[in-house]
C-alpha cells in the first residue's frame, strides 16, 4: 500500500462530503404521491426537485436541467 496517496487526500468535513456531486447529480426513484405511483427526481443531497409520470420522463427532465440522473433501488 502506498502511504503517500493517503496523505494527499483532502480532509472533508461530513457536510462537504454530503455536498459532493450535489450540483451535477440527481437520483430518480419510484414514489407514491396521493395514492398515485410517480417517479421522484431528487438532488444528490436528498432535496426533492420534481415528479414525473414515467422513469423515462424523469430522466429527460433531469437532463434538461443539466443534471446527470441515476437510478436508486
PDB file of N, CA and C in Angstrom:
ATOM      1  N   UNK A   1       0.840  -1.178   0.000  1.00  0.00           N
ATOM      2  CA  UNK A   1       0.000   0.000   0.000  1.00  0.00           C
ATOM      3  C   UNK A   1       0.884   1.239   0.000  1.00  0.00           C
ATOM      4  N   UNK A   2       0.571   2.168  -0.849  1.00  0.00           N
ATOM      5  CA  UNK A   2       1.327   3.409  -0.954  1.00  0.00           C
ATOM      6  C   UNK A   2       0.761   4.438   0.021  1.00  0.00           C
ATOM      7  N   UNK A   3       1.478   4.725   1.073  1.00  0.00           N
ATOM      8  CA  UNK A   3       1.011   5.653   2.111  1.00  0.00           C
ATOM      9  C   UNK A   3       0.988   7.099   1.630  1.00  0.00           C
ATOM     10  N   UNK A   4       1.745   7.423   0.601  1.00  0.00           N
ATOM     11  CA  UNK A   4       1.750   8.803   0.095  1.00  0.00           C
ATOM     12  C   UNK A   4       0.376   9.231  -0.398  1.00  0.00           C
ATOM     13  N   UNK A   5      -0.346   8.325  -1.031  1.00  0.00           N
ATOM     14  CA  UNK A   5      -1.661   8.683  -1.555  1.00  0.00           C
ATOM     15  C   UNK A   5      -2.640   9.004  -0.426  1.00  0.00           C
ATOM     16  N   UNK A   6      -2.493   8.360   0.735  1.00  0.00           N
ATOM     17  CA  UNK A   6      -3.369   8.654   1.862  1.00  0.00           C
ATOM     18  C   UNK A   6      -3.163  10.061   2.382  1.00  0.00           C
ATOM     19  N   UNK A   7      -1.951  10.543   2.385  1.00  0.00           N
ATOM     20  CA  UNK A   7      -1.698  11.878   2.907  1.00  0.00           C
ATOM     21  C   UNK A   7      -2.074  12.957   1.906  1.00  0.00           C
ATOM     22  N   UNK A   8      -2.255  12.610   0.642  1.00  0.00           N
ATOM     23  CA  UNK A   8      -2.605  13.594  -0.367  1.00  0.00           C
ATOM     24  C   UNK A   8      -4.110  13.756  -0.527  1.00  0.00           C
ATOM     25  N   UNK A   9      -4.901  12.932   0.100  1.00  0.00           N
ATOM     26  CA  UNK A   9      -6.351  13.044   0.012  1.00  0.00           C
ATOM     27  C   UNK A   9      -6.823  14.225   0.841  1.00  0.00           C
ATOM     28  N   UNK A  10      -7.807  14.961   0.323  1.00  0.00           N
ATOM     29  CA  UNK A  10      -8.319  16.083   1.114  1.00  0.00           C
ATOM     30  C   UNK A  10      -9.087  15.587   2.332  1.00  0.00           C
ATOM     31  N   UNK A  11      -9.037  16.346   3.382  1.00  0.00           N
ATOM     32  CA  UNK A  11      -9.771  16.031   4.599  1.00  0.00           C
ATOM     33  C   UNK A  11     -11.119  16.738   4.513  1.00  0.00           C
ATOM     34  N   UNK A  12     -12.181  15.982   4.226  1.00  0.00           N
ATOM     35  CA  UNK A  12     -13.504  16.561   4.053  1.00  0.00           C
ATOM     36  C   UNK A  12     -14.307  16.484   5.338  1.00  0.00           C
ATOM     37  N   UNK A  13     -15.022  17.547   5.628  1.00  0.00           N
ATOM     38  CA  UNK A  13     -15.967  17.515   6.734  1.00  0.00           C
ATOM     39  C   UNK A  13     -17.172  16.694   6.288  1.00  0.00           C
ATOM     40  N   UNK A  14     -17.981  16.200   7.216  1.00  0.00           N
ATOM     41  CA  UNK A  14     -19.191  15.464   6.810  1.00  0.00           C
ATOM     42  C   UNK A  14     -20.100  16.296   5.893  1.00  0.00           C
ATOM     43  N   UNK A  15     -20.236  17.577   6.157  1.00  0.00           N
ATOM     44  CA  UNK A  15     -21.077  18.435   5.313  1.00  0.00           C
ATOM     45  C   UNK A  15     -20.500  18.568   3.914  1.00  0.00           C
ATOM     46  N   UNK A  16     -19.194  18.694   3.801  1.00  0.00           N
ATOM     47  CA  UNK A  16     -18.559  18.811   2.491  1.00  0.00           C
ATOM     48  C   UNK A  16     -18.679  17.493   1.723  1.00  0.00           C
ATOM     49  N   UNK A  17     -18.565  16.377   2.431  1.00  0.00           N
ATOM     50  CA  UNK A  17     -18.715  15.084   1.786  1.00  0.00           C
ATOM     51  C   UNK A  17     -20.130  14.925   1.228  1.00  0.00           C
ATOM     52  N   UNK A  18     -21.145  15.319   2.004  1.00  0.00           N
ATOM     53  CA  UNK A  18     -22.532  15.230   1.546  1.00  0.00           C
ATOM     54  C   UNK A  18     -22.798  16.119   0.337  1.00  0.00           C
ATOM     55  N   UNK A  19     -22.080  17.221   0.237  1.00  0.00           N
ATOM     56  CA  UNK A  19     -22.292  18.162  -0.863  1.00  0.00           C
ATOM     57  C   UNK A  19     -21.647  17.709  -2.170  1.00  0.00           C
ATOM     58  N   UNK A  20     -20.781  16.703  -2.127  1.00  0.00           N
ATOM     59  CA  UNK A  20     -20.122  16.238  -3.347  1.00  0.00           C
ATOM     60  C   UNK A  20     -21.161  15.808  -4.373  1.00  0.00           C
ATOM     61  N   UNK A  21     -21.054  16.333  -5.560  1.00  0.00           N
ATOM     62  CA  UNK A  21     -21.948  15.945  -6.646  1.00  0.00           C
ATOM     63  C   UNK A  21     -23.298  16.623  -6.632  1.00  0.00           C
ATOM     64  N   UNK A  22     -23.621  17.364  -5.570  1.00  0.00           N
ATOM     65  CA  UNK A  22     -24.941  17.976  -5.475  1.00  0.00           C
ATOM     66  C   UNK A  22     -25.293  18.826  -6.686  1.00  0.00           C
ATOM     67  N   UNK A  23     -24.392  19.643  -7.211  1.00  0.00           N
ATOM     68  CA  UNK A  23     -24.800  20.469  -8.351  1.00  0.00           C
ATOM     69  C   UNK A  23     -24.954  19.701  -9.667  1.00  0.00           C
ATOM     70  N   UNK A  24     -24.407  18.488  -9.768  1.00  0.00           N
ATOM     71  CA  UNK A  24     -24.412  17.779 -11.040  1.00  0.00           C
ATOM     72  C   UNK A  24     -25.254  16.508 -11.058  1.00  0.00           C
ATOM     73  N   UNK A  25     -25.417  15.866  -9.943  1.00  0.00           N
ATOM     74  CA  UNK A  25     -26.038  14.540  -9.907  1.00  0.00           C
ATOM     75  C   UNK A  25     -27.432  14.614  -9.291  1.00  0.00           C
ATOM     76  N   UNK A  26     -28.347  13.883  -9.897  1.00  0.00           N
ATOM     77  CA  UNK A  26     -29.674  13.713  -9.310  1.00  0.00           C
ATOM     78  C   UNK A  26     -29.966  12.224  -9.266  1.00  0.00           C
ATOM     79  N   UNK A  27     -30.925  11.851  -8.444  1.00  0.00           N
ATOM     80  CA  UNK A  27     -31.327  10.455  -8.476  1.00  0.00           C
ATOM     81  C   UNK A  27     -32.831  10.368  -8.678  1.00  0.00           C
ATOM     82  N   UNK A  28     -33.225   9.276  -9.290  1.00  0.00           N
ATOM     83  CA  UNK A  28     -34.615   9.046  -9.654  1.00  0.00           C
ATOM     84  C   UNK A  28     -35.052   7.758  -8.978  1.00  0.00           C
ATOM     85  N   UNK A  29     -36.215   7.811  -8.336  1.00  0.00           N
ATOM     86  CA  UNK A  29     -36.732   6.607  -7.699  1.00  0.00           C
ATOM     87  C   UNK A  29     -38.257   6.659  -7.684  1.00  0.00           C
ATOM     88  N   UNK A  30     -38.884   5.497  -7.618  1.00  0.00           N
ATOM     89  CA  UNK A  30     -40.350   5.481  -7.566  1.00  0.00           C
ATOM     90  C   UNK A  30     -40.851   6.035  -6.236  1.00  0.00           C
ATOM     91  N   UNK A  31     -41.936   6.800  -6.306  1.00  0.00           N
ATOM     92  CA  UNK A  31     -42.579   7.364  -5.122  1.00  0.00           C
ATOM     93  C   UNK A  31     -44.090   7.256  -5.300  1.00  0.00           C
ATOM     94  N   UNK A  32     -44.803   7.325  -4.208  1.00  0.00           N
ATOM     95  CA  UNK A  32     -46.258   7.361  -4.255  1.00  0.00           C
ATOM     96  C   UNK A  32     -46.708   8.705  -3.708  1.00  0.00           C
ATOM     97  N   UNK A  33     -47.489   9.428  -4.513  1.00  0.00           N
ATOM     98  CA  UNK A  33     -47.979  10.747  -4.129  1.00  0.00           C
ATOM     99  C   UNK A  33     -49.498  10.735  -4.245  1.00  0.00           C
ATOM    100  N   UNK A  34     -50.172  10.962  -3.128  1.00  0.00           N
ATOM    101  CA  UNK A  34     -51.631  10.962  -3.082  1.00  0.00           C
ATOM    102  C   UNK A  34     -52.214   9.721  -3.739  1.00  0.00           C
ATOM    103  N   UNK A  35     -51.623   8.567  -3.448  1.00  0.00           N
ATOM    104  CA  UNK A  35     -52.091   7.287  -3.945  1.00  0.00           C
ATOM    105  C   UNK A  35     -51.680   6.938  -5.369  1.00  0.00           C
ATOM    106  N   UNK A  36     -50.971   7.839  -6.046  1.00  0.00           N
ATOM    107  CA  UNK A  36     -50.547   7.589  -7.425  1.00  0.00           C
ATOM    108  C   UNK A  36     -49.054   7.281  -7.467  1.00  0.00           C
ATOM    109  N   UNK A  37     -48.682   6.289  -8.271  1.00  0.00           N
ATOM    110  CA  UNK A  37     -47.271   5.954  -8.450  1.00  0.00           C
ATOM    111  C   UNK A  37     -46.636   6.946  -9.413  1.00  0.00           C
ATOM    112  N   UNK A  38     -45.538   7.544  -9.000  1.00  0.00           N
ATOM    113  CA  UNK A  38     -44.815   8.524  -9.800  1.00  0.00           C
ATOM    114  C   UNK A  38     -43.323   8.231  -9.682  1.00  0.00           C
ATOM    115  N   UNK A  39     -42.533   9.015 -10.380  1.00  0.00           N
ATOM    116  CA  UNK A  39     -41.072   8.946 -10.294  1.00  0.00           C
ATOM    117  C   UNK A  39     -40.582  10.265  -9.732  1.00  0.00           C
ATOM    118  N   UNK A  40     -39.920  10.199  -8.589  1.00  0.00           N
ATOM    119  CA  UNK A  40     -39.378  11.394  -7.960  1.00  0.00           C
ATOM    120  C   UNK A  40     -37.978  11.685  -8.463  1.00  0.00           C
ATOM    121  N   UNK A  41     -37.700  12.965  -8.612  1.00  0.00           N
ATOM    122  CA  UNK A  41     -36.366  13.434  -9.001  1.00  0.00           C
ATOM    123  C   UNK A  41     -35.803  14.171  -7.793  1.00  0.00           C
ATOM    124  N   UNK A  42     -34.620  13.762  -7.351  1.00  0.00           N
ATOM    125  CA  UNK A  42     -34.028  14.307  -6.139  1.00  0.00           C
ATOM    126  C   UNK A  42     -32.600  14.760  -6.398  1.00  0.00           C
ATOM    127  N   UNK A  43     -32.200  15.834  -5.727  1.00  0.00           N
ATOM    128  CA  UNK A  43     -30.805  16.268  -5.769  1.00  0.00           C
ATOM    129  C   UNK A  43     -29.966  15.240  -5.015  1.00  0.00           C
ATOM    130  N   UNK A  44     -28.681  15.254  -5.245  1.00  0.00           N
ATOM    131  CA  UNK A  44     -27.788  14.293  -4.591  1.00  0.00           C
ATOM    132  C   UNK A  44     -27.888  14.361  -3.071  1.00  0.00           C
ATOM    133  N   UNK A  45     -28.244  15.512  -2.528  1.00  0.00           N
ATOM    134  CA  UNK A  45     -28.353  15.650  -1.074  1.00  0.00           C
ATOM    135  C   UNK A  45     -29.721  15.254  -0.539  1.00  0.00           C
ATOM    136  N   UNK A  46     -30.626  14.783  -1.427  1.00  0.00           N
ATOM    137  CA  UNK A  46     -31.938  14.312  -0.991  1.00  0.00           C
ATOM    138  C   UNK A  46     -33.066  15.298  -1.153  1.00  0.00           C
ATOM    139  N   UNK A  47     -32.781  16.512  -1.553  1.00  0.00           N
ATOM    140  CA  UNK A  47     -33.815  17.517  -1.756  1.00  0.00           C
ATOM    141  C   UNK A  47     -34.682  17.134  -2.943  1.00  0.00           C
ATOM    142  N   UNK A  48     -35.996  17.117  -2.745  1.00  0.00           N
ATOM    143  CA  UNK A  48     -36.916  16.812  -3.833  1.00  0.00           C
ATOM    144  C   UNK A  48     -36.917  17.916  -4.871  1.00  0.00           C
ATOM    145  N   UNK A  49     -36.811  17.531  -6.137  1.00  0.00           N
ATOM    146  CA  UNK A  49     -36.775  18.515  -7.218  1.00  0.00           C
ATOM    147  C   UNK A  49     -38.012  18.468  -8.096  1.00  0.00           C
ATOM    148  N   UNK A  50     -38.632  17.303  -8.210  1.00  0.00           N
ATOM    149  CA  UNK A  50     -39.804  17.215  -9.069  1.00  0.00           C
ATOM    150  C   UNK A  50     -40.334  15.807  -9.165  1.00  0.00           C
ATOM    151  N   UNK A  51     -41.433  15.687  -9.929  1.00  0.00           N
ATOM    152  CA  UNK A  51     -42.092  14.413 -10.147  1.00  0.00           C
ATOM    153  C   UNK A  51     -42.335  14.221 -11.629  1.00  0.00           C
ATOM    154  N   UNK A  52     -42.396  12.973 -12.044  1.00  0.00           N
ATOM    155  CA  UNK A  52     -42.716  12.649 -13.429  1.00  0.00           C
ATOM    156  C   UNK A  52     -43.592  11.407 -13.437  1.00  0.00           C
ATOM    157  N   UNK A  53     -44.344  11.236 -14.517  1.00  0.00           N
ATOM    158  CA  UNK A  53     -45.243  10.091 -14.632  1.00  0.00           C
ATOM    159  C   UNK A  53     -44.490   8.805 -14.932  1.00  0.00           C
ATOM    160  N   UNK A  54     -43.356   8.912 -15.650  1.00  0.00           N
ATOM    161  CA  UNK A  54     -42.590   7.719 -16.005  1.00  0.00           C
ATOM    162  C   UNK A  54     -41.111   7.932 -15.677  1.00  0.00           C
ATOM    163  N   UNK A  55     -40.403   6.829 -15.619  1.00  0.00           N
ATOM    164  CA  UNK A  55     -38.958   6.898 -15.366  1.00  0.00           C
ATOM    165  C   UNK A  55     -38.254   7.633 -16.498  1.00  0.00           C
ATOM    166  N   UNK A  56     -38.629   7.332 -17.732  1.00  0.00           N
ATOM    167  CA  UNK A  56     -38.008   8.000 -18.880  1.00  0.00           C
ATOM    168  C   UNK A  56     -38.219   9.512 -18.837  1.00  0.00           C
ATOM    169  N   UNK A  57     -39.422   9.939 -18.458  1.00  0.00           N
ATOM    170  CA  UNK A  57     -39.686  11.373 -18.336  1.00  0.00           C
ATOM    171  C   UNK A  57     -38.834  11.994 -17.235  1.00  0.00           C
ATOM    172  N   UNK A  58     -38.682  11.286 -16.123  1.00  0.00           N
ATOM    173  CA  UNK A  58     -37.873  11.805 -15.019  1.00  0.00           C
ATOM    174  C   UNK A  58     -36.427  11.995 -15.456  1.00  0.00           C
ATOM    175  N   UNK A  59     -35.884  11.029 -16.183  1.00  0.00           N
ATOM    176  CA  UNK A  59     -34.515  11.147 -16.679  1.00  0.00           C
ATOM    177  C   UNK A  59     -34.388  12.306 -17.666  1.00  0.00           C
ATOM    178  N   UNK A  60     -35.384  12.449 -18.544  1.00  0.00           N
ATOM    179  CA  UNK A  60     -35.339  13.536 -19.530  1.00  0.00           C
ATOM    180  C   UNK A  60     -35.392  14.901 -18.861  1.00  0.00           C
ATOM    181  N   UNK A  61     -36.251  15.040 -17.869  1.00  0.00           N
ATOM    182  CA  UNK A  61     -36.367  16.318 -17.159  1.00  0.00           C
ATOM    183  C   UNK A  61     -35.065  16.646 -16.439  1.00  0.00           C
ATOM    184  N   UNK A  62     -34.482  15.664 -15.779  1.00  0.00           N
ATOM    185  CA  UNK A  62     -33.212  15.895 -15.081  1.00  0.00           C
ATOM    186  C   UNK A  62     -32.141  16.362 -16.065  1.00  0.00           C
ATOM    187  N   UNK A  63     -32.049  15.699 -17.206  1.00  0.00           N
ATOM    188  CA  UNK A  63     -31.032  16.072 -18.197  1.00  0.00           C
ATOM    189  C   UNK A  63     -31.298  17.450 -18.792  1.00  0.00           C
ATOM    190  N   UNK A  64     -32.570  17.824 -18.944  1.00  0.00           N
ATOM    191  CA  UNK A  64     -32.906  19.155 -19.450  1.00  0.00           C
ATOM    192  C   UNK A  64     -32.418  20.245 -18.502  1.00  0.00           C
ATOM    193  N   UNK A  65     -32.261  19.884 -17.235  1.00  0.00           N
ATOM    194  CA  UNK A  65     -31.785  20.837 -16.238  1.00  0.00           C
ATOM    195  C   UNK A  65     -30.310  20.619 -15.900  1.00  0.00           C
ATOM    196  N   UNK A  66     -29.588  20.034 -16.845  1.00  0.00           N
ATOM    197  CA  UNK A  66     -28.135  19.835 -16.720  1.00  0.00           C
ATOM    198  C   UNK A  66     -27.726  18.996 -15.520  1.00  0.00           C
ATOM    199  N   UNK A  67     -28.578  18.027 -15.166  1.00  0.00           N
ATOM    200  CA  UNK A  67     -28.255  17.085 -14.102  1.00  0.00           C
ATOM    201  C   UNK A  67     -27.995  15.716 -14.715  1.00  0.00           C
ATOM    202  N   UNK A  68     -27.156  14.936 -14.076  1.00  0.00           N
ATOM    203  CA  UNK A  68     -26.906  13.556 -14.509  1.00  0.00           C
ATOM    204  C   UNK A  68     -27.719  12.641 -13.613  1.00  0.00           C
ATOM    205  N   UNK A  69     -28.812  12.065 -14.140  1.00  0.00           N
ATOM    206  CA  UNK A  69     -29.663  11.215 -13.309  1.00  0.00           C
ATOM    207  C   UNK A  69     -29.110   9.810 -13.143  1.00  0.00           C
ATOM    208  N   UNK A  70     -29.347   9.239 -11.975  1.00  0.00           N
ATOM    209  CA  UNK A  70     -29.021   7.844 -11.691  1.00  0.00           C
ATOM    210  C   UNK A  70     -30.225   7.216 -11.006  1.00  0.00           C
ATOM    211  N   UNK A  71     -30.383   5.915 -11.162  1.00  0.00           N
ATOM    212  CA  UNK A  71     -31.496   5.206 -10.520  1.00  0.00           C
ATOM    213  C   UNK A  71     -31.120   4.781  -9.120  1.00  0.00           C
ATOM    214  N   UNK A  72     -32.097   4.793  -8.252  1.00  0.00           N
ATOM    215  CA  UNK A  72     -31.912   4.289  -6.892  1.00  0.00           C
ATOM    216  C   UNK A  72     -32.949   3.199  -6.685  1.00  0.00           C
ATOM    217  N   UNK A  73     -32.512   2.068  -6.178  1.00  0.00           N
ATOM    218  CA  UNK A  73     -33.446   0.936  -5.977  1.00  0.00           C
ATOM    219  C   UNK A  73     -33.854   0.877  -4.546  1.00  0.00           C
TER     220      UNK A  73
END
